[in-house]
Amino acid sequence: MAITSKKTDDTQQTFFRVTDNIPEETWYWAALTSIGISAVLKLSNKDNWALFVGQWPPTFLLFGLYHRLIRPSSK
């Protein structure tokens, strides 16, 4: 059990090391950009790709919100 907890802590610290260097606005721009790309793909009749890319925005937004809630003092 202790090994799993240490591995989880290491994974979380790695996530924060990477995301501390990414400005918060980047996550929101990534979400908006993927929405735009999805719309362009849909208009190009590439429905499968449009659906695939269209599922990215919630992930980008969750990364941004998670980082903001867990590390609010990192600004």
N, C-alpha and C. Protein backbone atom coordinates (compact mmCIF):
# COMPACT_ATOMS: atom_id res chain seq x y z
N MET A 1 0.82 -1.20 0.00
CA MET A 1 0.00 0.00 0.00
C MET A 1 0.87 1.27 0.00
N ALA A 2 1.95 1.28 0.76
CA ALA A 2 2.82 2.44 0.83
C ALA A 2 3.51 2.70 -0.51
N ILE A 3 3.82 1.63 -1.23
CA ILE A 3 4.47 1.78 -2.53
C ILE A 3 3.55 2.48 -3.51
N THR A 4 2.26 2.10 -3.48
CA THR A 4 1.28 2.72 -4.37
C THR A 4 1.13 4.20 -4.04
N SER A 5 1.09 4.54 -2.77
CA SER A 5 0.95 5.93 -2.36
C SER A 5 2.16 6.75 -2.81
N LYS A 6 3.35 6.21 -2.68
CA LYS A 6 4.56 6.92 -3.11
C LYS A 6 4.55 7.13 -4.62
N LYS A 7 4.11 6.09 -5.34
CA LYS A 7 4.05 6.21 -6.80
C LYS A 7 3.03 7.28 -7.21
N THR A 8 1.91 7.34 -6.52
CA THR A 8 0.89 8.35 -6.79
C THR A 8 1.44 9.75 -6.51
N ASP A 9 2.16 9.90 -5.40
CA ASP A 9 2.75 11.20 -5.07
C ASP A 9 3.78 11.61 -6.12
N ASP A 10 4.59 10.67 -6.57
CA ASP A 10 5.58 10.98 -7.60
C ASP A 10 4.91 11.41 -8.90
N THR A 11 3.83 10.72 -9.27
CA THR A 11 3.10 11.06 -10.49
C THR A 11 2.50 12.45 -10.38
N GLN A 12 1.93 12.77 -9.22
CA GLN A 12 1.33 14.09 -9.03
C GLN A 12 2.40 15.17 -9.07
N GLN A 13 3.53 14.94 -8.46
CA GLN A 13 4.61 15.94 -8.49
C GLN A 13 5.14 16.15 -9.90
N THR A 14 5.21 15.07 -10.68
CA THR A 14 5.64 15.19 -12.08
C THR A 14 4.64 16.04 -12.86
N PHE A 15 3.33 15.79 -12.63
CA PHE A 15 2.29 16.58 -13.30
C PHE A 15 2.45 18.06 -12.97
N PHE A 16 2.66 18.38 -11.70
CA PHE A 16 2.79 19.77 -11.30
C PHE A 16 4.07 20.41 -11.82
N ARG A 17 5.15 19.65 -11.89
CA ARG A 17 6.39 20.19 -12.45
C ARG A 17 6.18 20.61 -13.90
N VAL A 18 5.44 19.83 -14.64
CA VAL A 18 5.18 20.14 -16.04
C VAL A 18 4.21 21.30 -16.16
N THR A 19 3.09 21.24 -15.43
CA THR A 19 2.04 22.24 -15.60
C THR A 19 2.35 23.57 -14.92
N ASP A 20 3.28 23.60 -13.97
CA ASP A 20 3.65 24.89 -13.36
C ASP A 20 4.24 25.84 -14.39
N ASN A 21 4.82 25.31 -15.43
CA ASN A 21 5.44 26.15 -16.46
C ASN A 21 4.48 26.56 -17.56
N ILE A 22 3.26 26.06 -17.51
CA ILE A 22 2.26 26.37 -18.54
C ILE A 22 1.29 27.42 -17.99
N PRO A 23 1.19 28.58 -18.62
CA PRO A 23 0.24 29.60 -18.14
C PRO A 23 -1.20 29.07 -18.19
N GLU A 24 -2.00 29.52 -17.25
CA GLU A 24 -3.38 29.05 -17.14
C GLU A 24 -4.18 29.31 -18.42
N GLU A 25 -3.93 30.43 -19.06
CA GLU A 25 -4.68 30.78 -20.26
C GLU A 25 -4.42 29.79 -21.40
N THR A 26 -3.29 29.14 -21.37
CA THR A 26 -2.95 28.18 -22.42
C THR A 26 -3.96 27.05 -22.49
N TRP A 27 -4.41 26.59 -21.33
CA TRP A 27 -5.40 25.49 -21.31
C TRP A 27 -6.71 25.93 -21.97
N TYR A 28 -7.13 27.17 -21.70
CA TYR A 28 -8.38 27.67 -22.28
C TYR A 28 -8.25 27.90 -23.78
N TRP A 29 -7.09 28.43 -24.21
CA TRP A 29 -6.87 28.61 -25.64
C TRP A 29 -6.80 27.27 -26.36
N ALA A 30 -6.21 26.27 -25.71
CA ALA A 30 -6.15 24.93 -26.30
C ALA A 30 -7.56 24.37 -26.49
N ALA A 31 -8.42 24.61 -25.51
CA ALA A 31 -9.81 24.14 -25.61
C ALA A 31 -10.53 24.84 -26.76
N LEU A 32 -10.39 26.16 -26.84
CA LEU A 32 -11.05 26.91 -27.92
C LEU A 32 -10.50 26.52 -29.29
N THR A 33 -9.21 26.32 -29.36
CA THR A 33 -8.59 25.92 -30.63
C THR A 33 -9.09 24.56 -31.08
N SER A 34 -9.20 23.62 -30.14
CA SER A 34 -9.67 22.29 -30.52
C SER A 34 -11.14 22.32 -30.94
N ILE A 35 -11.93 23.21 -30.38
CA ILE A 35 -13.32 23.37 -30.82
C ILE A 35 -13.33 23.87 -32.27
N GLY A 36 -12.48 24.85 -32.57
CA GLY A 36 -12.40 25.38 -33.92
C GLY A 36 -11.92 24.34 -34.92
N ILE A 37 -10.91 23.59 -34.54
CA ILE A 37 -10.40 22.53 -35.43
C ILE A 37 -11.47 21.48 -35.67
N SER A 38 -12.20 21.14 -34.62
CA SER A 38 -13.29 20.16 -34.75
C SER A 38 -14.36 20.66 -35.72
N ALA A 39 -14.69 21.95 -35.64
CA ALA A 39 -15.69 22.52 -36.55
C ALA A 39 -15.21 22.48 -38.00
N VAL A 40 -13.92 22.82 -38.20
CA VAL A 40 -13.37 22.78 -39.55
C VAL A 40 -13.38 21.34 -40.09
N LEU A 41 -13.01 20.39 -39.26
CA LEU A 41 -13.04 18.99 -39.68
C LEU A 41 -14.45 18.53 -40.02
N LYS A 42 -15.42 18.97 -39.24
CA LYS A 42 -16.82 18.60 -39.50
C LYS A 42 -17.27 19.18 -40.84
N LEU A 43 -16.89 20.44 -41.11
CA LEU A 43 -17.26 21.06 -42.38
C LEU A 43 -16.54 20.41 -43.56
N SER A 44 -15.41 19.75 -43.28
CA SER A 44 -14.67 19.04 -44.33
C SER A 44 -15.13 17.60 -44.49
N ASN A 45 -16.24 17.28 -43.85
CA ASN A 45 -16.81 15.93 -43.89
C ASN A 45 -15.88 14.86 -43.34
N LYS A 46 -15.06 15.22 -42.40
CA LYS A 46 -14.19 14.25 -41.71
C LYS A 46 -14.78 14.04 -40.31
N ASP A 47 -15.94 13.36 -40.31
CA ASP A 47 -16.73 13.25 -39.08
C ASP A 47 -15.99 12.52 -37.95
N ASN A 48 -15.30 11.45 -38.26
CA ASN A 48 -14.61 10.70 -37.21
C ASN A 48 -13.53 11.55 -36.55
N TRP A 49 -12.76 12.26 -37.35
CA TRP A 49 -11.73 13.12 -36.80
C TRP A 49 -12.34 14.28 -36.02
N ALA A 50 -13.46 14.81 -36.53
CA ALA A 50 -14.13 15.91 -35.84
C ALA A 50 -14.61 15.48 -34.45
N LEU A 51 -15.14 14.28 -34.36
CA LEU A 51 -15.57 13.77 -33.05
C LEU A 51 -14.37 13.55 -32.13
N PHE A 52 -13.30 13.02 -32.69
CA PHE A 52 -12.10 12.77 -31.89
C PHE A 52 -11.54 14.07 -31.31
N VAL A 53 -11.34 15.05 -32.16
CA VAL A 53 -10.79 16.34 -31.71
C VAL A 53 -11.81 17.07 -30.85
N GLY A 54 -13.08 16.88 -31.11
CA GLY A 54 -14.13 17.55 -30.34
C GLY A 54 -14.22 17.06 -28.90
N GLN A 55 -13.58 15.97 -28.59
CA GLN A 55 -13.58 15.47 -27.21
C GLN A 55 -12.40 16.01 -26.40
N TRP A 56 -11.53 16.76 -26.99
CA TRP A 56 -10.38 17.31 -26.29
C TRP A 56 -10.70 18.49 -25.37
N PRO A 57 -11.62 19.41 -25.72
CA PRO A 57 -11.81 20.60 -24.88
C PRO A 57 -12.10 20.31 -23.41
N PRO A 58 -12.96 19.35 -23.07
CA PRO A 58 -13.17 19.11 -21.64
C PRO A 58 -11.90 18.68 -20.91
N THR A 59 -11.05 17.95 -21.60
CA THR A 59 -9.80 17.52 -20.98
C THR A 59 -8.90 18.71 -20.71
N PHE A 60 -8.77 19.61 -21.68
CA PHE A 60 -7.95 20.80 -21.47
C PHE A 60 -8.51 21.66 -20.34
N LEU A 61 -9.82 21.83 -20.31
CA LEU A 61 -10.44 22.63 -19.26
C LEU A 61 -10.25 21.99 -17.88
N LEU A 62 -10.37 20.68 -17.83
CA LEU A 62 -10.16 19.99 -16.54
C LEU A 62 -8.72 20.11 -16.07
N PHE A 63 -7.75 20.03 -16.98
CA PHE A 63 -6.36 20.23 -16.59
C PHE A 63 -6.18 21.62 -15.97
N GLY A 64 -6.74 22.63 -16.63
CA GLY A 64 -6.62 23.99 -16.11
C GLY A 64 -7.31 24.18 -14.78
N LEU A 65 -8.51 23.64 -14.64
CA LEU A 65 -9.24 23.78 -13.38
C LEU A 65 -8.59 22.99 -12.25
N TYR A 66 -8.14 21.79 -12.55
CA TYR A 66 -7.48 20.97 -11.54
C TYR A 66 -6.23 21.67 -11.03
N HIS A 67 -5.47 22.21 -11.95
CA HIS A 67 -4.25 22.91 -11.55
C HIS A 67 -4.58 24.15 -10.72
N ARG A 68 -5.62 24.84 -11.09
CA ARG A 68 -6.01 26.06 -10.36
C ARG A 68 -6.52 25.72 -8.96
N LEU A 69 -7.30 24.65 -8.83
CA LEU A 69 -7.86 24.29 -7.53
C LEU A 69 -6.82 23.68 -6.59
N ILE A 70 -5.93 22.86 -7.13
CA ILE A 70 -4.95 22.19 -6.29
C ILE A 70 -3.78 23.12 -5.95
N ARG A 71 -3.38 23.96 -6.86
CA ARG A 71 -2.24 24.84 -6.66
C ARG A 71 -2.62 26.31 -6.86
N PRO A 72 -3.55 26.84 -6.05
CA PRO A 72 -3.99 28.21 -6.29
C PRO A 72 -2.90 29.25 -6.01
N SER A 73 -1.90 28.91 -5.22
CA SER A 73 -0.87 29.90 -4.88
C SER A 73 0.31 29.89 -5.83
N SER A 74 0.22 29.12 -6.93
CA SER A 74 1.36 29.01 -7.83
C SER A 74 1.50 30.22 -8.76
N LYS A 75 0.62 31.17 -8.69
CA LYS A 75 0.70 32.36 -9.55
C LYS A 75 1.70 33.34 -9.05
